C-alpha atoms as a PDB file:
ATOM      1  CA  MET A   1     159.096 188.432  32.081  1.00  0.00           C
ATOM      2  CA  ILE A   2     158.893 191.666  34.048  1.00  0.00           C
ATOM      3  CA  ALA A   3     158.621 195.005  32.220  1.00  0.00           C
ATOM      4  CA  HIS A   4     158.961 198.461  33.730  1.00  0.00           C
ATOM      5  CA  LEU A   5     157.141 201.649  32.756  1.00  0.00           C
ATOM      6  CA  SER A   6     156.735 205.218  33.972  1.00  0.00           C
ATOM      7  CA  LEU A   7     153.463 207.116  33.911  1.00  0.00           C
ATOM      8  CA  ASN A   8     152.674 210.525  35.416  1.00  0.00           C
ATOM      9  CA  ASP A   9     155.873 210.446  37.500  1.00  0.00           C
ATOM     10  CA  ARG A  10     154.994 207.025  38.936  1.00  0.00           C
ATOM     11  CA  ASP A  11     156.899 203.826  38.177  1.00  0.00           C
ATOM     12  CA  TYR A  12     155.194 200.475  37.607  1.00  0.00           C
ATOM     13  CA  SER A  13     156.220 196.906  36.858  1.00  0.00           C
ATOM     14  CA  VAL A  14     154.247 194.525  34.614  1.00  0.00           C
ATOM     15  CA  ASP A  15     154.362 190.748  34.999  1.00  0.00           C
ATOM     16  CA  TYR A  16     153.928 189.357  31.470  1.00  0.00           C
ATOM     17  CA  SER A  17     153.785 185.787  32.746  1.00  0.00           C
ATOM     18  CA  GLN A  18     150.440 186.439  34.476  1.00  0.00           C
ATOM     19  CA  GLY A  19     148.157 187.527  31.625  1.00  0.00           C
ATOM     20  CA  ILE A  20     144.411 186.987  32.091  1.00  0.00           C
ATOM     21  CA  SER A  21     141.946 187.061  29.205  1.00  0.00           C
ATOM     22  CA  VAL A  22     138.667 188.821  30.004  1.00  0.00           C
ATOM     23  CA  ALA A  23     137.079 187.745  26.718  1.00  0.00           C
ATOM     24  CA  ILE A  24     134.200 185.285  26.576  1.00  0.00           C
ATOM     25  CA  PRO A  25     135.084 182.382  24.245  1.00  0.00           C
ATOM     26  CA  LEU A  26     132.538 182.158  21.423  1.00  0.00           C
ATOM     27  CA  ASP A  27     131.574 178.521  20.840  1.00  0.00           C
ATOM     28  CA  PRO A  28     129.239 178.196  17.826  1.00  0.00           C
ATOM     29  CA  HIS A  29     128.474 174.629  18.952  1.00  0.00           C
ATOM     30  CA  GLY A  30     127.787 175.395  22.612  1.00  0.00           C
ATOM     31  CA  ALA A  31     126.562 177.875  25.191  1.00  0.00           C
ATOM     32  CA  GLN A  32     127.207 181.504  24.337  1.00  0.00           C
ATOM     33  CA  PRO A  33     125.972 185.004  25.206  1.00  0.00           C
ATOM     34  CA  SER A  34     123.579 186.796  22.875  1.00  0.00           C
ATOM     35  CA  PHE A  35     121.978 190.211  22.612  1.00  0.00           C
ATOM     36  CA  PHE A  36     119.466 191.748  20.199  1.00  0.00           C
ATOM     37  CA  VAL A  37     119.306 188.678  17.927  1.00  0.00           C
ATOM     38  CA  ASP A  38     116.965 185.707  17.628  1.00  0.00           C
ATOM     39  CA  GLN A  39     119.542 183.135  16.558  1.00  0.00           C
ATOM     40  CA  PRO A  40     122.815 182.080  18.233  1.00  0.00           C
ATOM     41  CA  ALA A  41     126.160 182.042  16.465  1.00  0.00           C
ATOM     42  CA  SER A  42     126.363 178.847  14.427  1.00  0.00           C
ATOM     43  CA  ALA A  43     128.739 176.667  12.428  1.00  0.00           C
ATOM     44  CA  THR A  44     127.939 174.360   9.514  1.00  0.00           C
ATOM     45  CA  PRO A  45     130.236 172.274   7.305  1.00  0.00           C
ATOM     46  CA  LEU A  46     131.448 173.968   4.135  1.00  0.00           C
ATOM     47  CA  LYS A  47     129.909 172.453   1.006  1.00  0.00           C
ATOM     48  CA  SER A  48     131.398 172.954  -2.451  1.00  0.00           C
ATOM     49  CA  GLY A  49     130.409 170.563  -5.230  1.00  0.00           C
ATOM     50  CA  ASP A  50     131.050 167.059  -3.940  1.00  0.00           C
ATOM     51  CA  TYR A  51     133.180 168.335  -1.070  1.00  0.00           C
ATOM     52  CA  ILE A  52     131.882 168.556   2.486  1.00  0.00           C
ATOM     53  CA  GLY A  53     134.013 170.040   5.242  1.00  0.00           C
ATOM     54  CA  ASP A  54     133.213 167.393   7.839  1.00  0.00           C
ATOM     55  CA  VAL A  55     135.443 164.352   8.439  1.00  0.00           C
ATOM     56  CA  ASN A  56     132.579 162.562  10.172  1.00  0.00           C
ATOM     57  CA  ALA A  57     130.476 162.967   7.028  1.00  0.00           C
ATOM     58  CA  GLY A  58     133.189 161.583   4.742  1.00  0.00           C
ATOM     59  CA  GLY A  59     135.083 164.813   4.063  1.00  0.00           C
ATOM     60  CA  SER A  60     138.860 164.861   3.820  1.00  0.00           C
ATOM     61  CA  CYS A  61     139.098 167.586   6.465  1.00  0.00           C
ATOM     62  CA  ASN A  62     136.960 169.822   8.618  1.00  0.00           C
ATOM     63  CA  ALA A  63     136.073 173.295   7.341  1.00  0.00           C
ATOM     64  CA  GLU A  64     133.241 175.239   8.905  1.00  0.00           C
ATOM     65  CA  VAL A  65     131.170 178.200   7.801  1.00  0.00           C
ATOM     66  CA  ILE A  66     130.707 180.401  10.867  1.00  0.00           C
ATOM     67  CA  ARG A  67     127.710 182.718  11.125  1.00  0.00           C
ATOM     68  CA  PHE A  68     127.661 185.357  13.863  1.00  0.00           C
ATOM     69  CA  VAL A  69     127.112 189.070  14.517  1.00  0.00           C
ATOM     70  CA  PRO A  70     130.113 190.714  16.239  1.00  0.00           C
ATOM     71  CA  HIS A  71     127.885 193.234  18.039  1.00  0.00           C
ATOM     72  CA  CYS A  72     125.559 190.538  19.357  1.00  0.00           C
ATOM     73  CA  HIS A  73     127.536 187.354  19.945  1.00  0.00           C
ATOM     74  CA  GLY A  74     130.312 187.527  22.510  1.00  0.00           C
ATOM     75  CA  THR A  75     133.192 189.852  23.324  1.00  0.00           C
ATOM     76  CA  HIS A  76     133.736 192.550  20.719  1.00  0.00           C
ATOM     77  CA  THR A  77     135.345 195.962  20.350  1.00  0.00           C
ATOM     78  CA  GLU A  78     133.595 198.712  18.434  1.00  0.00           C
ATOM     79  CA  CYS A  79     134.533 202.126  17.091  1.00  0.00           C
ATOM     80  CA  ILE A  80     132.816 205.352  16.018  1.00  0.00           C
ATOM     81  CA  GLY A  81     131.952 203.578  12.763  1.00  0.00           C
ATOM     82  CA  HIS A  82     129.099 201.988  14.724  1.00  0.00           C
ATOM     83  CA  LEU A  83     127.229 205.289  14.348  1.00  0.00           C
ATOM     84  CA  SER A  84     128.778 206.781  11.217  1.00  0.00           C
ATOM     85  CA  SER A  85     127.306 206.915   7.723  1.00  0.00           C
ATOM     86  CA  GLU A  86     130.884 206.447   6.539  1.00  0.00           C
ATOM     87  CA  ARG A  87     132.390 202.955   6.666  1.00  0.00           C
ATOM     88  CA  ILE A  88     134.980 203.126   9.451  1.00  0.00           C
ATOM     89  CA  THR A  89     136.698 200.041  10.851  1.00  0.00           C
ATOM     90  CA  VAL A  90     138.044 199.418  14.328  1.00  0.00           C
ATOM     91  CA  GLN A  91     141.539 198.536  13.133  1.00  0.00           C
ATOM     92  CA  GLN A  92     141.881 201.773  11.153  1.00  0.00           C
ATOM     93  CA  THR A  93     140.519 204.026  13.862  1.00  0.00           C
ATOM     94  CA  ILE A  94     141.005 203.320  17.549  1.00  0.00           C
ATOM     95  CA  TYR A  95     143.993 204.005  19.761  1.00  0.00           C
ATOM     96  CA  ALA A  96     146.486 201.197  19.248  1.00  0.00           C
ATOM     97  CA  GLY A  97     148.978 199.769  21.676  1.00  0.00           C
ATOM     98  CA  PRO A  98     148.839 198.606  25.284  1.00  0.00           C
ATOM     99  CA  CYS A  99     147.680 200.865  28.093  1.00  0.00           C
ATOM    100  CA  VAL A 100     146.827 201.030  31.791  1.00  0.00           C
ATOM    101  CA  VAL A 101     143.323 199.768  32.535  1.00  0.00           C
ATOM    102  CA  GLN A 102     141.459 200.093  35.825  1.00  0.00           C
ATOM    103  CA  VAL A 103     139.187 197.237  36.849  1.00  0.00           C
ATOM    104  CA  LEU A 104     136.296 198.617  38.862  1.00  0.00           C
ATOM    105  CA  SER A 105     133.399 196.647  40.349  1.00  0.00           C
ATOM    106  CA  PHE A 106     129.917 198.145  40.392  1.00  0.00           C
ATOM    107  CA  GLN A 107     127.704 196.947  43.208  1.00  0.00           C
ATOM    108  CA  ASN A 108     124.004 197.351  42.503  1.00  0.00           C
ATOM    109  CA  PRO A 109     122.779 199.916  45.064  1.00  0.00           C
ATOM    110  CA  GLY A 110     119.195 198.743  44.661  1.00  0.00           C
ATOM    111  CA  GLY A 111     117.788 200.892  41.889  1.00  0.00           C
ATOM    112  CA  ALA A 112     118.277 203.925  39.713  1.00  0.00           C
ATOM    113  CA  ASP A 113     117.758 207.619  40.068  1.00  0.00           C
ATOM    114  CA  ALA A 114     114.244 208.119  38.766  1.00  0.00           C
ATOM    115  CA  ASN A 115     115.147 211.762  38.017  1.00  0.00           C
ATOM    116  CA  ASP A 116     117.655 210.688  35.377  1.00  0.00           C
ATOM    117  CA  MET A 117     115.576 211.149  32.240  1.00  0.00           C
ATOM    118  CA  SER A 118     118.369 210.018  29.900  1.00  0.00           C
ATOM    119  CA  MET A 119     117.155 206.416  30.059  1.00  0.00           C
ATOM    120  CA  ASP A 120     114.500 204.127  31.411  1.00  0.00           C
ATOM    121  CA  VAL A 121     114.681 203.554  35.132  1.00  0.00           C
ATOM    122  CA  GLY A 122     117.029 200.677  35.863  1.00  0.00           C
ATOM    123  CA  LEU A 123     120.505 200.047  37.246  1.00  0.00           C
ATOM    124  CA  VAL A 124     122.550 203.216  36.844  1.00  0.00           C
ATOM    125  CA  MET A 125     126.242 203.942  37.456  1.00  0.00           C
ATOM    126  CA  GLU A 126     126.286 207.506  38.730  1.00  0.00           C
ATOM    127  CA  MET A 127     128.862 210.261  38.227  1.00  0.00           C
ATOM    128  CA  ASP A 128     129.723 210.629  41.925  1.00  0.00           C
ATOM    129  CA  TRP A 129     130.761 206.969  42.135  1.00  0.00           C
ATOM    130  CA  ILE A 130     132.869 207.172  38.969  1.00  0.00           C
ATOM    131  CA  GLN A 131     134.462 210.464  39.987  1.00  0.00           C
ATOM    132  CA  ALA A 132     135.440 209.112  43.394  1.00  0.00           C
ATOM    133  CA  SER A 133     136.704 205.779  42.059  1.00  0.00           C
ATOM    134  CA  LEU A 134     138.617 206.582  38.857  1.00  0.00           C
ATOM    135  CA  HIS A 135     142.406 206.359  39.205  1.00  0.00           C
ATOM    136  CA  PRO A 136     144.358 209.280  37.680  1.00  0.00           C
ATOM    137  CA  ASP A 137     146.678 206.911  35.789  1.00  0.00           C
ATOM    138  CA  ALA A 138     143.870 204.912  34.166  1.00  0.00           C
ATOM    139  CA  GLN A 139     143.845 205.111  30.370  1.00  0.00           C
ATOM    140  CA  ALA A 140     141.009 202.586  30.091  1.00  0.00           C
ATOM    141  CA  LEU A 141     138.201 201.483  32.394  1.00  0.00           C
ATOM    142  CA  ALA A 142     136.832 197.939  32.739  1.00  0.00           C
ATOM    143  CA  ILE A 143     133.562 197.622  34.644  1.00  0.00           C
ATOM    144  CA  ARG A 144     132.587 194.424  36.464  1.00  0.00           C
ATOM    145  CA  SER A 145     128.923 194.479  37.505  1.00  0.00           C
ATOM    146  CA  MET A 146     128.090 192.718  40.730  1.00  0.00           C
ATOM    147  CA  PRO A 147     126.965 190.090  41.426  1.00  0.00           C
ATOM    148  CA  ASN A 148     129.235 188.352  38.934  1.00  0.00           C
ATOM    149  CA  PRO A 149     127.821 184.870  38.161  1.00  0.00           C
ATOM    150  CA  ILE A 150     129.523 182.688  35.591  1.00  0.00           C
ATOM    151  CA  ASP A 151     126.286 182.557  33.570  1.00  0.00           C
ATOM    152  CA  LYS A 152     127.194 185.984  32.159  1.00  0.00           C
ATOM    153  CA  MET A 153     129.302 183.961  29.725  1.00  0.00           C
ATOM    154  CA  SER A 154     126.169 182.360  28.251  1.00  0.00           C
ATOM    155  CA  ARG A 155     123.426 184.851  29.061  1.00  0.00           C
ATOM    156  CA  ASP A 156     120.607 185.588  26.612  1.00  0.00           C
ATOM    157  CA  TYR A 157     119.848 189.249  27.249  1.00  0.00           C
ATOM    158  CA  ALA A 158     116.473 188.950  25.534  1.00  0.00           C
ATOM    159  CA  LEU A 159     115.439 186.914  28.555  1.00  0.00           C
ATOM    160  CA  ASP A 160     117.434 188.864  31.144  1.00  0.00           C
ATOM    161  CA  PRO A 161     117.575 192.461  29.866  1.00  0.00           C
ATOM    162  CA  GLU A 162     118.361 194.237  33.139  1.00  0.00           C
ATOM    163  CA  TYR A 163     121.977 195.434  33.145  1.00  0.00           C
ATOM    164  CA  PRO A 164     123.630 198.593  34.492  1.00  0.00           C
ATOM    165  CA  VAL A 165     124.464 201.584  32.309  1.00  0.00           C
ATOM    166  CA  PHE A 166     126.185 204.882  33.002  1.00  0.00           C
ATOM    167  CA  SER A 167     123.963 207.831  33.766  1.00  0.00           C
ATOM    168  CA  LEU A 168     124.235 210.651  31.241  1.00  0.00           C
ATOM    169  CA  GLN A 169     126.127 212.730  33.802  1.00  0.00           C
ATOM    170  CA  ALA A 170     128.609 209.902  34.435  1.00  0.00           C
ATOM    171  CA  MET A 171     129.073 209.460  30.711  1.00  0.00           C
ATOM    172  CA  GLN A 172     129.727 213.156  30.246  1.00  0.00           C
ATOM    173  CA  PHE A 173     132.331 213.022  33.024  1.00  0.00           C
ATOM    174  CA  LEU A 174     134.101 210.060  31.384  1.00  0.00           C
ATOM    175  CA  ALA A 175     133.924 211.666  27.942  1.00  0.00           C
ATOM    176  CA  ALA A 176     135.510 214.866  29.241  1.00  0.00           C
ATOM    177  CA  GLY A 177     138.536 212.927  30.517  1.00  0.00           C
ATOM    178  CA  ASN A 178     141.452 211.126  28.902  1.00  0.00           C
ATOM    179  CA  LEU A 179     140.258 207.529  28.764  1.00  0.00           C
ATOM    180  CA  LYS A 180     140.877 205.745  25.472  1.00  0.00           C
ATOM    181  CA  HIS A 181     138.842 202.589  26.039  1.00  0.00           C
ATOM    182  CA  LEU A 182     135.768 201.448  27.941  1.00  0.00           C
ATOM    183  CA  LEU A 183     135.215 197.747  28.643  1.00  0.00           C
ATOM    184  CA  LEU A 184     131.928 196.404  29.985  1.00  0.00           C
ATOM    185  CA  ASP A 185     130.645 193.015  31.109  1.00  0.00           C
ATOM    186  CA  THR A 186     127.234 194.026  29.760  1.00  0.00           C
ATOM    187  CA  PRO A 187     125.950 193.762  26.173  1.00  0.00           C
ATOM    188  CA  SER A 188     125.864 197.493  25.451  1.00  0.00           C
ATOM    189  CA  LEU A 189     126.962 200.924  26.639  1.00  0.00           C
ATOM    190  CA  ASP A 190     123.305 201.936  26.215  1.00  0.00           C
ATOM    191  CA  ARG A 191     120.044 200.233  27.026  1.00  0.00           C
ATOM    192  CA  ALA A 192     118.562 198.020  24.338  1.00  0.00           C
ATOM    193  CA  ASN A 193     115.241 199.855  24.559  1.00  0.00           C
ATOM    194  CA  ASP A 194     116.424 203.480  24.431  1.00  0.00           C
ATOM    195  CA  GLY A 195     114.468 204.261  21.258  1.00  0.00           C
ATOM    196  CA  GLY A 196     117.584 204.238  19.084  1.00  0.00           C
ATOM    197  CA  LYS A 197     119.132 207.313  20.742  1.00  0.00           C
ATOM    198  CA  LEU A 198     122.377 205.566  21.837  1.00  0.00           C
ATOM    199  CA  SER A 199     123.080 208.631  23.964  1.00  0.00           C
ATOM    200  CA  ASN A 200     126.025 207.133  25.839  1.00  0.00           C
ATOM    201  CA  HIS A 201     127.726 205.965  22.645  1.00  0.00           C
ATOM    202  CA  ARG A 202     127.303 209.403  21.125  1.00  0.00           C
ATOM    203  CA  THR A 203     128.605 211.148  24.218  1.00  0.00           C
ATOM    204  CA  TRP A 204     131.649 208.859  24.419  1.00  0.00           C
ATOM    205  CA  TRP A 205     132.596 209.516  20.797  1.00  0.00           C
ATOM    206  CA  GLY A 206     131.865 213.251  20.961  1.00  0.00           C
ATOM    207  CA  ILE A 207     129.014 213.175  18.472  1.00  0.00           C
ATOM    208  CA  GLY A 208     126.777 216.224  18.701  1.00  0.00           C
ATOM    209  CA  ASN A 209     127.250 217.033  22.385  1.00  0.00           C
ATOM    210  CA  GLY A 210     129.684 219.958  22.320  1.00  0.00           C
ATOM    211  CA  LEU A 211     131.899 218.468  25.035  1.00  0.00           C
ATOM    212  CA  GLU A 212     135.538 219.416  25.301  1.00  0.00           C
ATOM    213  CA  HIS A 213     137.906 216.430  25.150  1.00  0.00           C
ATOM    214  CA  GLY A 214     141.228 218.189  25.663  1.00  0.00           C
ATOM    215  CA  SER A 215     144.082 216.720  23.640  1.00  0.00           C
ATOM    216  CA  LEU A 216     142.329 213.371  23.277  1.00  0.00           C
ATOM    217  CA  ASP A 217     140.649 212.592  19.956  1.00  0.00           C
ATOM    218  CA  ALA A 218     137.312 211.155  21.067  1.00  0.00           C
ATOM    219  CA  ALA A 219     136.711 209.615  17.633  1.00  0.00           C
ATOM    220  CA  LYS A 220     139.621 207.216  18.262  1.00  0.00           C
ATOM    221  CA  ARG A 221     138.119 205.765  21.418  1.00  0.00           C
ATOM    222  CA  SER A 222     136.780 202.226  21.639  1.00  0.00           C
ATOM    223  CA  VAL A 223     134.033 200.388  23.500  1.00  0.00           C
ATOM    224  CA  THR A 224     134.419 196.689  24.299  1.00  0.00           C
ATOM    225  CA  GLU A 225     131.258 194.888  25.372  1.00  0.00           C
ATOM    226  CA  MET A 226     130.441 191.430  26.786  1.00  0.00           C
ATOM    227  CA  ILE A 227     133.693 190.824  28.653  1.00  0.00           C
ATOM    228  CA  TYR A 228     133.869 188.638  31.748  1.00  0.00           C
ATOM    229  CA  ILE A 229     136.200 189.519  34.638  1.00  0.00           C
ATOM    230  CA  PRO A 230     136.790 186.502  36.908  1.00  0.00           C
ATOM    231  CA  GLU A 231     136.383 186.800  40.669  1.00  0.00           C
ATOM    232  CA  SER A 232     140.112 186.130  41.051  1.00  0.00           C
ATOM    233  CA  VAL A 233     140.863 189.500  39.445  1.00  0.00           C
ATOM    234  CA  LYS A 234     140.886 192.205  42.104  1.00  0.00           C
ATOM    235  CA  ASP A 235     139.868 195.793  41.506  1.00  0.00           C
ATOM    236  CA  GLY A 236     142.831 197.989  40.607  1.00  0.00           C
ATOM    237  CA  LEU A 237     145.246 198.850  37.822  1.00  0.00           C
ATOM    238  CA  TYR A 238     146.428 196.415  35.127  1.00  0.00           C
ATOM    239  CA  TRP A 239     148.386 196.583  31.885  1.00  0.00           C
ATOM    240  CA  MET A 240     146.125 195.739  28.940  1.00  0.00           C
ATOM    241  CA  HIS A 241     146.533 194.473  25.401  1.00  0.00           C
ATOM    242  CA  LEU A 242     143.207 194.778  23.563  1.00  0.00           C
ATOM    243  CA  GLU A 243     144.010 192.069  20.951  1.00  0.00           C
ATOM    244  CA  LEU A 244     141.635 192.718  18.054  1.00  0.00           C
ATOM    245  CA  SER A 245     140.696 190.121  15.466  1.00  0.00           C
ATOM    246  CA  PRO A 246     141.627 190.936  11.830  1.00  0.00           C
ATOM    247  CA  LEU A 247     137.948 191.071  10.820  1.00  0.00           C
ATOM    248  CA  MET A 248     137.587 194.595   9.408  1.00  0.00           C
ATOM    249  CA  SER A 249     134.324 196.164  10.544  1.00  0.00           C
ATOM    250  CA  ASP A 250     132.891 198.800  12.871  1.00  0.00           C
ATOM    251  CA  ALA A 251     132.922 196.019  15.493  1.00  0.00           C
ATOM    252  CA  THR A 252     135.293 193.083  15.643  1.00  0.00           C
ATOM    253  CA  PRO A 253     135.756 190.126  17.988  1.00  0.00           C
ATOM    254  CA  SER A 254     138.443 190.869  20.546  1.00  0.00           C
ATOM    255  CA  ARG A 255     140.374 189.221  23.362  1.00  0.00           C
ATOM    256  CA  PRO A 256     141.458 191.800  25.939  1.00  0.00           C
ATOM    257  CA  VAL A 257     144.291 190.468  28.098  1.00  0.00           C
ATOM    258  CA  ILE A 258     145.218 192.175  31.365  1.00  0.00           C
ATOM    259  CA  TYR A 259     148.478 191.802  33.290  1.00  0.00           C
ATOM    260  CA  PRO A 260     149.179 192.569  36.964  1.00  0.00           C
ATOM    261  CA  LEU A 261     150.581 196.060  37.401  1.00  0.00           C
ATOM    262  CA  THR A 262     152.515 196.960  40.547  1.00  0.00           C
ATOM    263  CA  GLU A 263     153.480 200.475  41.558  1.00  0.00           C
ATOM    264  CA  LYS A 264     157.142 200.783  42.536  1.00  0.00           C
ATOM    265  CA  HIS A 265     157.741 203.007  45.521  1.00  0.00           C
ATOM    266  CA  GLN A 266     161.010 204.866  45.924  1.00  0.00           C
END
């Protein structure tokens, strides 16, 4: 099925038969990514009285109790409730509906700007690169960090903590624009060891930074972490459905699906 849309005086077509999930499947019985936790996601048979939810153990059917942390185990989307004293859920808060997402690959340039005091020295995505690369029609941005090995889908970031983050200046640039969603193939928008500041999260959601966000309500933005963008997906514009789970929390498992988007020239 081909759909047609107009955006900023440009016409595009969307091929709905070519959807690609950029979510990492969460297997509680197998390999999985993890961040900031000691234990992996797990599944055990439900037990209630004489009943056991395991056919192999004599139960009438299988029924598992799943234990996981949305923020720490696999692909998830979070909202401003991540930092709020008020209980705010993703489903009640963020911009709903499909949108144009730009896939952009970040190639490690070989180190960070040691003058950027917003974070520990490490891999940094700078403002100049973002400013030069961001498409004017993008309503969301999905970052693929290079190199892009398949082991990102099962990486324990306690053992491999080095991952790129936006510099504070880059984050301020993004926050001042009209993006609704950020998607990252890393475990967090901030470094794990930033002393609890979460400066990039706060900047993105307009918390205590005095930035102007135009007509966009920054509090309705989302961050999706721990995605995986296959090598077959080229940099460029796509149509995206975020596909949230019904689990009501400040972060919820998600399955972003992107569809090829082609500009139609007159």
